[in-house]
Amino acid sequence: MSWPDKKIEVYSMMSASQPVGVEDRLILTIEEAREALRIDGEDNDTIIISLVRAIPAYLQITTGRSWIEEYNPLAKVAAKFILQLWYYPQSEDAVRIQRTIDTLLMTLAAEARSMG
């Protein structure tokens, strides 16, 4: 299954001065990222965008597979938890979020192995 077209709104994540390339395809839109972080407005977009850009590489390194080419709801959920942990590292829920991330990453890694 491929990512729904409306989810690959890469241009919405980039500033006008940054070219959009294949390496810039992201798992979350800025709107999804703000929603996951419960943030209104664009004041923190620079930080949020840099974190969202790092998530696909992190998922690939930790699971052994790229989750950009095909839509995977579990990868999207993992991305939202990772973003929350990275954005709010001192949160009182950080330990629970990390445990959730670890479980999601193990599941994604097992799925990646089964896919070959």
N, C-alpha and C. Protein backbone atom coordinates (compact mmCIF):
# COMPACT_ATOMS: atom_id res chain seq x y z
N MET A 1 0.85 -1.16 0.00
CA MET A 1 0.00 0.00 0.00
C MET A 1 0.91 1.24 0.00
N SER A 2 0.63 2.19 -0.83
CA SER A 2 1.46 3.39 -0.86
C SER A 2 0.85 4.47 0.03
N TRP A 3 1.69 5.45 0.39
CA TRP A 3 1.23 6.56 1.23
C TRP A 3 0.11 7.29 0.52
N PRO A 4 -0.94 7.65 1.23
CA PRO A 4 -1.99 8.45 0.60
C PRO A 4 -1.41 9.77 0.12
N ASP A 5 -1.85 10.20 -1.07
CA ASP A 5 -1.31 11.43 -1.67
C ASP A 5 -1.37 12.61 -0.73
N LYS A 6 -2.43 12.74 0.01
CA LYS A 6 -2.56 13.90 0.88
C LYS A 6 -1.55 13.89 2.03
N LYS A 7 -0.96 12.76 2.32
CA LYS A 7 0.01 12.68 3.41
C LYS A 7 1.41 13.09 2.96
N ILE A 8 1.68 13.08 1.67
CA ILE A 8 3.00 13.47 1.20
C ILE A 8 2.94 14.91 0.72
N GLU A 9 2.75 15.78 1.68
CA GLU A 9 2.72 17.21 1.39
C GLU A 9 4.06 17.79 1.82
N VAL A 10 5.10 17.28 1.21
CA VAL A 10 6.45 17.63 1.59
C VAL A 10 6.68 19.13 1.54
N TYR A 11 6.11 19.77 0.54
CA TYR A 11 6.31 21.20 0.39
C TYR A 11 5.82 21.97 1.60
N SER A 12 4.85 21.45 2.32
CA SER A 12 4.33 22.16 3.48
C SER A 12 5.32 22.14 4.64
N MET A 13 6.29 21.26 4.60
CA MET A 13 7.26 21.15 5.67
C MET A 13 8.51 21.98 5.42
N MET A 14 8.68 22.48 4.22
CA MET A 14 9.92 23.14 3.86
C MET A 14 9.74 24.64 3.79
N SER A 15 10.83 25.33 4.04
CA SER A 15 10.78 26.77 3.81
C SER A 15 10.97 27.01 2.32
N ALA A 16 10.63 28.18 1.87
CA ALA A 16 10.73 28.49 0.45
C ALA A 16 12.16 28.40 -0.06
N SER A 17 13.14 28.57 0.82
CA SER A 17 14.53 28.58 0.38
C SER A 17 15.14 27.19 0.28
N GLN A 18 14.43 26.17 0.74
CA GLN A 18 14.98 24.82 0.73
C GLN A 18 14.36 23.99 -0.38
N PRO A 19 15.20 23.41 -1.25
CA PRO A 19 14.65 22.56 -2.31
C PRO A 19 14.10 21.27 -1.73
N VAL A 20 13.06 20.77 -2.34
CA VAL A 20 12.45 19.52 -1.90
C VAL A 20 12.98 18.40 -2.78
N GLY A 21 13.59 17.42 -2.17
CA GLY A 21 14.13 16.28 -2.90
C GLY A 21 13.62 14.99 -2.31
N VAL A 22 14.06 13.89 -2.88
CA VAL A 22 13.64 12.58 -2.41
C VAL A 22 14.01 12.40 -0.94
N GLU A 23 15.16 12.89 -0.55
CA GLU A 23 15.61 12.72 0.83
C GLU A 23 14.75 13.50 1.81
N ASP A 24 13.90 14.40 1.32
CA ASP A 24 13.06 15.22 2.18
C ASP A 24 11.66 14.64 2.36
N ARG A 25 11.38 13.47 1.83
CA ARG A 25 10.07 12.87 2.05
C ARG A 25 9.96 12.49 3.52
N LEU A 26 8.86 12.86 4.11
CA LEU A 26 8.72 12.71 5.55
C LEU A 26 7.53 11.83 5.91
N ILE A 27 7.57 11.32 7.10
CA ILE A 27 6.51 10.43 7.57
C ILE A 27 5.35 11.20 8.19
N LEU A 28 5.62 12.44 8.63
CA LEU A 28 4.59 13.29 9.22
C LEU A 28 4.58 14.65 8.53
N THR A 29 3.41 15.22 8.36
CA THR A 29 3.31 16.59 7.89
C THR A 29 3.49 17.51 9.08
N ILE A 30 3.70 18.78 8.83
CA ILE A 30 3.84 19.74 9.93
C ILE A 30 2.56 19.79 10.75
N GLU A 31 1.42 19.67 10.10
CA GLU A 31 0.15 19.69 10.82
C GLU A 31 0.03 18.48 11.75
N GLU A 32 0.41 17.31 11.25
CA GLU A 32 0.37 16.11 12.09
C GLU A 32 1.35 16.23 13.26
N ALA A 33 2.51 16.82 13.00
CA ALA A 33 3.50 16.99 14.06
C ALA A 33 2.99 17.94 15.13
N ARG A 34 2.44 19.07 14.71
CA ARG A 34 1.88 20.02 15.69
C ARG A 34 0.77 19.36 16.51
N GLU A 35 -0.07 18.59 15.85
CA GLU A 35 -1.16 17.91 16.54
C GLU A 35 -0.61 16.92 17.57
N ALA A 36 0.40 16.15 17.19
CA ALA A 36 1.00 15.18 18.11
C ALA A 36 1.61 15.87 19.32
N LEU A 37 2.16 17.06 19.10
CA LEU A 37 2.79 17.81 20.18
C LEU A 37 1.81 18.72 20.92
N ARG A 38 0.59 18.81 20.41
CA ARG A 38 -0.44 19.70 20.96
C ARG A 38 0.03 21.15 20.97
N ILE A 39 0.51 21.58 19.80
CA ILE A 39 1.03 22.94 19.64
C ILE A 39 0.19 23.66 18.60
N ASP A 40 -0.20 24.88 18.92
CA ASP A 40 -0.90 25.74 17.97
C ASP A 40 0.09 26.78 17.45
N GLY A 41 -0.05 27.17 16.22
CA GLY A 41 0.80 28.22 15.67
C GLY A 41 2.08 27.70 15.07
N GLU A 42 2.80 28.62 14.47
CA GLU A 42 4.01 28.28 13.71
C GLU A 42 5.30 28.70 14.41
N ASP A 43 5.22 29.17 15.63
CA ASP A 43 6.40 29.71 16.32
C ASP A 43 7.54 28.71 16.44
N ASN A 44 7.24 27.45 16.63
CA ASN A 44 8.27 26.43 16.85
C ASN A 44 8.51 25.54 15.64
N ASP A 45 8.01 25.95 14.48
CA ASP A 45 8.12 25.12 13.29
C ASP A 45 9.55 24.77 12.91
N THR A 46 10.48 25.67 13.11
CA THR A 46 11.88 25.38 12.75
C THR A 46 12.39 24.17 13.53
N ILE A 47 12.12 24.13 14.81
CA ILE A 47 12.55 23.00 15.64
C ILE A 47 11.78 21.74 15.26
N ILE A 48 10.48 21.88 15.12
CA ILE A 48 9.63 20.72 14.80
C ILE A 48 10.05 20.11 13.47
N ILE A 49 10.27 20.95 12.46
CA ILE A 49 10.65 20.44 11.14
C ILE A 49 11.98 19.70 11.20
N SER A 50 12.95 20.22 11.94
CA SER A 50 14.24 19.53 12.02
C SER A 50 14.09 18.18 12.70
N LEU A 51 13.24 18.09 13.70
CA LEU A 51 13.01 16.80 14.36
C LEU A 51 12.27 15.83 13.44
N VAL A 52 11.25 16.32 12.75
CA VAL A 52 10.48 15.47 11.83
C VAL A 52 11.37 14.96 10.70
N ARG A 53 12.29 15.79 10.24
CA ARG A 53 13.22 15.36 9.18
C ARG A 53 14.14 14.24 9.63
N ALA A 54 14.46 14.19 10.92
CA ALA A 54 15.38 13.17 11.44
C ALA A 54 14.69 11.82 11.67
N ILE A 55 13.38 11.82 11.79
CA ILE A 55 12.66 10.59 12.14
C ILE A 55 12.81 9.48 11.10
N PRO A 56 12.67 9.73 9.79
CA PRO A 56 12.81 8.61 8.83
C PRO A 56 14.16 7.89 8.93
N ALA A 57 15.24 8.64 9.07
CA ALA A 57 16.56 8.01 9.20
C ALA A 57 16.65 7.21 10.50
N TYR A 58 16.11 7.76 11.57
CA TYR A 58 16.11 7.05 12.86
C TYR A 58 15.34 5.74 12.75
N LEU A 59 14.18 5.80 12.14
CA LEU A 59 13.39 4.57 11.97
C LEU A 59 14.13 3.55 11.11
N GLN A 60 14.79 4.01 10.06
CA GLN A 60 15.52 3.09 9.19
C GLN A 60 16.69 2.45 9.92
N ILE A 61 17.41 3.24 10.69
CA ILE A 61 18.56 2.71 11.43
C ILE A 61 18.12 1.71 12.50
N THR A 62 17.05 2.03 13.20
CA THR A 62 16.62 1.18 14.31
C THR A 62 15.81 -0.05 13.89
N THR A 63 15.21 0.00 12.70
CA THR A 63 14.39 -1.14 12.28
C THR A 63 14.97 -1.88 11.07
N GLY A 64 15.92 -1.27 10.39
CA GLY A 64 16.52 -1.90 9.22
C GLY A 64 15.72 -1.73 7.94
N ARG A 65 14.74 -0.82 7.95
CA ARG A 65 13.91 -0.62 6.76
C ARG A 65 13.43 0.82 6.69
N SER A 66 13.29 1.29 5.47
CA SER A 66 12.70 2.61 5.26
C SER A 66 11.18 2.48 5.30
N TRP A 67 10.54 3.37 6.02
CA TRP A 67 9.08 3.35 6.14
C TRP A 67 8.44 4.49 5.38
N ILE A 68 9.18 5.08 4.45
CA ILE A 68 8.69 6.20 3.66
C ILE A 68 7.99 5.72 2.39
N GLU A 69 8.50 4.69 1.78
CA GLU A 69 7.97 4.24 0.48
C GLU A 69 6.56 3.69 0.56
N GLU A 70 6.24 3.01 1.64
CA GLU A 70 4.92 2.42 1.80
C GLU A 70 4.29 2.95 3.08
N TYR A 71 3.00 3.23 3.01
CA TYR A 71 2.27 3.70 4.19
C TYR A 71 2.20 2.58 5.21
N ASN A 72 2.55 2.89 6.44
CA ASN A 72 2.45 1.93 7.53
C ASN A 72 1.95 2.69 8.75
N PRO A 73 0.73 2.41 9.21
CA PRO A 73 0.20 3.17 10.34
C PRO A 73 1.02 3.01 11.61
N LEU A 74 1.63 1.85 11.81
CA LEU A 74 2.46 1.64 12.99
C LEU A 74 3.70 2.53 12.96
N ALA A 75 4.29 2.70 11.77
CA ALA A 75 5.45 3.58 11.63
C ALA A 75 5.05 5.03 11.91
N LYS A 76 3.87 5.42 11.48
CA LYS A 76 3.39 6.78 11.74
C LYS A 76 3.18 7.01 13.24
N VAL A 77 2.60 6.02 13.92
CA VAL A 77 2.41 6.14 15.37
C VAL A 77 3.76 6.22 16.08
N ALA A 78 4.69 5.37 15.67
CA ALA A 78 6.04 5.42 16.25
C ALA A 78 6.66 6.80 16.04
N ALA A 79 6.50 7.34 14.85
CA ALA A 79 7.06 8.67 14.55
C ALA A 79 6.48 9.73 15.48
N LYS A 80 5.21 9.65 15.78
CA LYS A 80 4.58 10.63 16.67
C LYS A 80 5.12 10.51 18.09
N PHE A 81 5.30 9.30 18.58
CA PHE A 81 5.87 9.12 19.92
C PHE A 81 7.32 9.58 19.97
N ILE A 82 8.09 9.26 18.92
CA ILE A 82 9.49 9.70 18.86
C ILE A 82 9.55 11.22 18.89
N LEU A 83 8.71 11.86 18.11
CA LEU A 83 8.67 13.32 18.08
C LEU A 83 8.35 13.88 19.47
N GLN A 84 7.38 13.30 20.15
CA GLN A 84 7.03 13.76 21.49
C GLN A 84 8.21 13.65 22.44
N LEU A 85 8.91 12.53 22.38
CA LEU A 85 10.06 12.33 23.27
C LEU A 85 11.18 13.30 22.96
N TRP A 86 11.47 13.50 21.69
CA TRP A 86 12.55 14.41 21.31
C TRP A 86 12.21 15.85 21.62
N TYR A 87 10.95 16.23 21.46
CA TYR A 87 10.54 17.62 21.68
C TYR A 87 10.41 17.94 23.17
N TYR A 88 9.93 16.97 23.95
CA TYR A 88 9.76 17.14 25.39
C TYR A 88 10.60 16.10 26.14
N PRO A 89 11.94 16.17 26.07
CA PRO A 89 12.76 15.12 26.66
C PRO A 89 12.68 15.03 28.18
N GLN A 90 12.32 16.11 28.85
CA GLN A 90 12.26 16.12 30.31
C GLN A 90 10.84 15.90 30.83
N SER A 91 9.95 15.48 29.96
CA SER A 91 8.55 15.24 30.34
C SER A 91 8.47 14.18 31.44
N GLU A 92 7.48 14.32 32.30
CA GLU A 92 7.27 13.31 33.34
C GLU A 92 6.87 11.96 32.74
N ASP A 93 6.41 11.98 31.50
CA ASP A 93 6.01 10.75 30.82
C ASP A 93 7.13 10.17 29.94
N ALA A 94 8.32 10.74 29.99
CA ALA A 94 9.40 10.34 29.08
C ALA A 94 9.74 8.86 29.18
N VAL A 95 9.76 8.31 30.37
CA VAL A 95 10.11 6.89 30.53
C VAL A 95 9.04 6.01 29.90
N ARG A 96 7.78 6.34 30.12
CA ARG A 96 6.70 5.55 29.53
C ARG A 96 6.68 5.69 28.01
N ILE A 97 6.94 6.90 27.52
CA ILE A 97 6.99 7.11 26.07
C ILE A 97 8.14 6.31 25.46
N GLN A 98 9.30 6.31 26.13
CA GLN A 98 10.44 5.55 25.63
C GLN A 98 10.12 4.06 25.57
N ARG A 99 9.44 3.53 26.58
CA ARG A 99 9.05 2.12 26.56
C ARG A 99 8.12 1.82 25.39
N THR A 100 7.19 2.72 25.16
CA THR A 100 6.27 2.56 24.03
C THR A 100 7.03 2.57 22.72
N ILE A 101 7.96 3.51 22.58
CA ILE A 101 8.78 3.60 21.36
C ILE A 101 9.57 2.31 21.17
N ASP A 102 10.19 1.83 22.23
CA ASP A 102 10.98 0.60 22.13
C ASP A 102 10.13 -0.57 21.64
N THR A 103 8.91 -0.68 22.15
CA THR A 103 8.01 -1.75 21.72
C THR A 103 7.62 -1.58 20.26
N LEU A 104 7.29 -0.36 19.88
CA LEU A 104 6.92 -0.10 18.48
C LEU A 104 8.09 -0.40 17.55
N LEU A 105 9.31 0.00 17.93
CA LEU A 105 10.48 -0.24 17.09
C LEU A 105 10.77 -1.74 16.95
N MET A 106 10.59 -2.49 18.05
CA MET A 106 10.79 -3.94 17.96
C MET A 106 9.77 -4.56 17.00
N THR A 107 8.54 -4.10 17.09
CA THR A 107 7.50 -4.61 16.20
C THR A 107 7.78 -4.26 14.75
N LEU A 108 8.19 -3.02 14.50
CA LEU A 108 8.53 -2.61 13.14
C LEU A 108 9.75 -3.38 12.62
N ALA A 109 10.73 -3.62 13.47
CA ALA A 109 11.91 -4.38 13.05
C ALA A 109 11.52 -5.82 12.68
N ALA A 110 10.62 -6.42 13.47
CA ALA A 110 10.16 -7.77 13.15
C ALA A 110 9.38 -7.77 11.83
N GLU A 111 8.57 -6.76 11.64
CA GLU A 111 7.83 -6.65 10.37
C GLU A 111 8.80 -6.47 9.21
N ALA A 112 9.84 -5.67 9.40
CA ALA A 112 10.83 -5.45 8.34
C ALA A 112 11.54 -6.75 7.99
N ARG A 113 11.90 -7.55 8.99
CA ARG A 113 12.55 -8.84 8.73
C ARG A 113 11.62 -9.78 7.97
N SER A 114 10.34 -9.77 8.32
CA SER A 114 9.40 -10.67 7.66
C SER A 114 9.14 -10.27 6.21
N MET A 115 9.36 -9.00 5.90
CA MET A 115 9.14 -8.50 4.54
C MET A 115 10.33 -8.77 3.64
N GLY A 116 11.44 -9.13 4.27
CA GLY A 116 12.63 -9.46 3.48
C GLY A 116 13.48 -8.34 3.26
